């Protein structure tokens, strides 16, 4: 599987977990957030503004550091 296939795409309103490197203080790891806007870059480098529920802040995060918090099968 290529790298681009591993990076998910998200839409506004998706509930996501942060899974990337912890560079923020406090760390975002395992925190849950809601995607509030989607950047226009290619999928592998696309940034998403995420509202983090624990802190109430909005931080731009690339898609490679996010995963869906749940998957609903229809």
N, C-alpha and C. Protein backbone atom coordinates (compact mmCIF):
# COMPACT_ATOMS: atom_id res chain seq x y z
N UNK A 1 0.85 -1.17 0.00
CA UNK A 1 0.00 0.00 0.00
C UNK A 1 0.90 1.24 0.00
N UNK A 2 0.58 2.20 -0.85
CA UNK A 2 1.38 3.42 -0.91
C UNK A 2 1.06 4.32 0.27
N UNK A 3 1.98 5.26 0.51
CA UNK A 3 1.79 6.20 1.61
C UNK A 3 0.48 6.98 1.45
N UNK A 4 0.18 7.42 0.23
CA UNK A 4 -1.02 8.21 0.01
C UNK A 4 -2.29 7.43 0.31
N UNK A 5 -2.26 6.12 0.15
CA UNK A 5 -3.44 5.32 0.47
C UNK A 5 -3.64 5.18 1.97
N UNK A 6 -2.58 5.35 2.75
CA UNK A 6 -2.67 5.20 4.20
C UNK A 6 -3.25 6.43 4.88
N UNK A 7 -3.15 7.58 4.25
CA UNK A 7 -3.63 8.82 4.84
C UNK A 7 -5.12 8.96 4.55
N UNK A 8 -5.90 9.04 5.61
CA UNK A 8 -7.34 9.15 5.45
C UNK A 8 -7.73 10.56 5.04
N UNK A 9 -8.92 10.71 4.49
CA UNK A 9 -9.49 12.02 4.26
C UNK A 9 -10.64 12.19 5.23
N UNK A 10 -10.85 13.42 5.66
CA UNK A 10 -11.87 13.72 6.65
C UNK A 10 -12.76 14.82 6.13
N UNK A 11 -13.96 14.93 6.68
CA UNK A 11 -14.90 15.99 6.32
C UNK A 11 -15.26 16.76 7.59
N UNK A 12 -15.79 17.94 7.40
CA UNK A 12 -16.20 18.76 8.53
C UNK A 12 -17.21 17.98 9.37
N UNK A 13 -16.97 17.96 10.68
CA UNK A 13 -17.85 17.26 11.60
C UNK A 13 -17.33 15.90 12.03
N UNK A 14 -16.29 15.39 11.36
CA UNK A 14 -15.73 14.09 11.77
C UNK A 14 -15.14 14.18 13.17
N UNK A 15 -15.36 13.14 13.94
CA UNK A 15 -14.78 13.00 15.28
C UNK A 15 -13.47 12.23 15.11
N UNK A 16 -12.35 12.83 15.54
CA UNK A 16 -11.03 12.25 15.27
C UNK A 16 -10.18 12.15 16.53
N UNK A 17 -9.20 11.23 16.49
CA UNK A 17 -8.16 11.11 17.50
C UNK A 17 -6.86 11.64 16.91
N UNK A 18 -6.02 12.24 17.74
CA UNK A 18 -4.68 12.63 17.33
C UNK A 18 -3.74 11.45 17.58
N UNK A 19 -2.96 11.06 16.57
CA UNK A 19 -2.06 9.92 16.71
C UNK A 19 -0.62 10.27 16.36
N UNK A 20 -0.32 11.54 16.16
CA UNK A 20 1.01 11.94 15.74
C UNK A 20 1.96 12.19 16.89
N UNK A 21 3.09 12.80 16.55
CA UNK A 21 4.09 13.15 17.55
C UNK A 21 3.54 14.22 18.49
N UNK A 22 3.92 14.14 19.74
CA UNK A 22 3.45 15.09 20.73
C UNK A 22 4.39 16.29 20.78
N UNK A 23 4.03 17.35 20.06
CA UNK A 23 4.86 18.56 20.05
C UNK A 23 4.20 19.71 20.80
N UNK A 24 2.97 19.52 21.16
CA UNK A 24 2.24 20.56 21.88
C UNK A 24 2.36 20.35 23.38
N UNK A 25 2.12 21.40 24.13
CA UNK A 25 2.10 21.30 25.58
C UNK A 25 0.78 21.89 26.05
N UNK A 26 -0.15 21.15 26.58
CA UNK A 26 -0.11 19.71 26.88
C UNK A 26 -0.23 18.88 25.60
N UNK A 27 0.24 17.65 25.64
CA UNK A 27 0.19 16.80 24.44
C UNK A 27 -1.22 16.50 24.00
N UNK A 28 -1.38 16.31 22.69
CA UNK A 28 -2.69 16.02 22.12
C UNK A 28 -2.97 14.53 22.01
N UNK A 29 -1.98 13.70 22.26
CA UNK A 29 -2.14 12.26 22.02
C UNK A 29 -3.39 11.71 22.69
N UNK A 30 -4.14 10.97 21.92
CA UNK A 30 -5.36 10.29 22.35
C UNK A 30 -6.49 11.25 22.70
N UNK A 31 -6.34 12.52 22.41
CA UNK A 31 -7.44 13.45 22.63
C UNK A 31 -8.41 13.38 21.46
N UNK A 32 -9.65 13.71 21.73
CA UNK A 32 -10.70 13.65 20.72
C UNK A 32 -11.04 15.07 20.29
N UNK A 33 -11.20 15.23 18.98
CA UNK A 33 -11.56 16.54 18.44
C UNK A 33 -12.54 16.41 17.30
N UNK A 34 -13.03 17.56 16.85
CA UNK A 34 -13.99 17.63 15.74
C UNK A 34 -13.37 18.45 14.62
N UNK A 35 -13.37 17.92 13.40
CA UNK A 35 -12.83 18.64 12.25
C UNK A 35 -13.76 19.82 11.96
N UNK A 36 -13.17 21.04 11.92
CA UNK A 36 -13.97 22.24 11.68
C UNK A 36 -13.75 22.85 10.30
N UNK A 37 -12.61 22.55 9.66
CA UNK A 37 -12.38 22.98 8.28
C UNK A 37 -11.31 22.12 7.64
N UNK A 38 -11.33 22.10 6.30
CA UNK A 38 -10.45 21.24 5.53
C UNK A 38 -9.60 22.10 4.61
N UNK A 39 -8.28 21.86 4.62
CA UNK A 39 -7.38 22.59 3.73
C UNK A 39 -7.49 22.10 2.30
N UNK A 40 -6.85 22.83 1.39
CA UNK A 40 -6.95 22.52 -0.03
C UNK A 40 -5.75 21.76 -0.58
N UNK A 41 -4.77 21.45 0.24
CA UNK A 41 -3.56 20.76 -0.22
C UNK A 41 -3.88 19.33 -0.64
N UNK A 42 -2.94 18.66 -1.33
CA UNK A 42 -3.14 17.24 -1.65
C UNK A 42 -3.35 16.41 -0.39
N UNK A 43 -3.98 15.27 -0.54
CA UNK A 43 -4.39 14.45 0.61
C UNK A 43 -3.26 14.15 1.58
N UNK A 44 -2.07 13.84 1.10
CA UNK A 44 -0.96 13.45 1.99
C UNK A 44 -0.51 14.59 2.90
N UNK A 45 -0.68 15.83 2.48
CA UNK A 45 -0.22 16.97 3.28
C UNK A 45 -1.35 17.88 3.71
N UNK A 46 -2.58 17.49 3.47
CA UNK A 46 -3.74 18.34 3.78
C UNK A 46 -3.84 18.59 5.28
N UNK A 47 -4.04 19.84 5.64
CA UNK A 47 -4.21 20.20 7.05
C UNK A 47 -5.70 20.35 7.36
N UNK A 48 -6.05 19.96 8.55
CA UNK A 48 -7.43 20.07 9.03
C UNK A 48 -7.42 20.90 10.31
N UNK A 49 -8.32 21.86 10.42
CA UNK A 49 -8.49 22.56 11.68
C UNK A 49 -9.37 21.68 12.55
N UNK A 50 -8.87 21.38 13.75
CA UNK A 50 -9.59 20.48 14.66
C UNK A 50 -9.85 21.21 15.97
N UNK A 51 -11.11 21.18 16.40
CA UNK A 51 -11.50 21.72 17.71
C UNK A 51 -11.32 20.60 18.71
N UNK A 52 -10.37 20.78 19.64
CA UNK A 52 -10.07 19.74 20.64
C UNK A 52 -10.99 19.89 21.83
N UNK A 53 -11.76 18.84 22.12
CA UNK A 53 -12.80 18.91 23.14
C UNK A 53 -12.25 19.10 24.55
N UNK A 54 -11.06 18.58 24.84
CA UNK A 54 -10.51 18.69 26.19
C UNK A 54 -10.05 20.10 26.53
N UNK A 55 -9.53 20.84 25.52
CA UNK A 55 -8.98 22.17 25.80
C UNK A 55 -9.79 23.31 25.22
N UNK A 56 -10.66 23.01 24.26
CA UNK A 56 -11.44 24.06 23.63
C UNK A 56 -10.66 24.89 22.63
N UNK A 57 -9.51 24.38 22.19
CA UNK A 57 -8.69 25.11 21.22
C UNK A 57 -8.84 24.50 19.83
N UNK A 58 -8.54 25.32 18.82
CA UNK A 58 -8.53 24.85 17.44
C UNK A 58 -7.09 24.86 16.97
N UNK A 59 -6.62 23.71 16.49
CA UNK A 59 -5.24 23.56 16.03
C UNK A 59 -5.27 22.89 14.66
N UNK A 60 -4.43 23.38 13.73
CA UNK A 60 -4.31 22.76 12.42
C UNK A 60 -3.41 21.53 12.54
N UNK A 61 -3.88 20.40 12.01
CA UNK A 61 -3.16 19.13 12.09
C UNK A 61 -3.23 18.47 10.71
N UNK A 62 -2.10 17.91 10.25
CA UNK A 62 -2.14 17.19 8.98
C UNK A 62 -2.88 15.87 9.14
N UNK A 63 -3.49 15.42 8.06
CA UNK A 63 -4.29 14.20 8.09
C UNK A 63 -3.52 12.96 8.50
N UNK A 64 -2.20 12.94 8.26
CA UNK A 64 -1.44 11.74 8.63
C UNK A 64 -1.34 11.55 10.13
N UNK A 65 -1.73 12.56 10.92
CA UNK A 65 -1.69 12.45 12.38
C UNK A 65 -3.08 12.28 12.99
N UNK A 66 -4.07 11.99 12.15
CA UNK A 66 -5.45 11.83 12.63
C UNK A 66 -6.02 10.49 12.20
N UNK A 67 -6.91 9.95 13.02
CA UNK A 67 -7.72 8.78 12.65
C UNK A 67 -9.14 9.04 13.13
N UNK A 68 -10.09 8.43 12.47
CA UNK A 68 -11.48 8.56 12.91
C UNK A 68 -11.66 7.94 14.28
N UNK A 69 -12.43 8.60 15.12
CA UNK A 69 -12.68 8.08 16.47
C UNK A 69 -13.62 6.88 16.44
N UNK A 70 -14.42 6.78 15.40
CA UNK A 70 -15.31 5.64 15.24
C UNK A 70 -15.66 5.48 13.77
N UNK A 71 -16.08 4.31 13.40
CA UNK A 71 -16.53 4.05 12.03
C UNK A 71 -17.91 3.43 12.13
N UNK A 72 -18.84 4.01 11.41
CA UNK A 72 -20.21 3.53 11.43
C UNK A 72 -20.52 2.82 10.11
N UNK A 73 -20.82 1.56 10.18
CA UNK A 73 -21.14 0.81 8.98
C UNK A 73 -22.63 0.88 8.71
N UNK A 74 -22.95 1.07 7.46
CA UNK A 74 -24.36 1.20 7.06
C UNK A 74 -24.85 -0.08 6.44
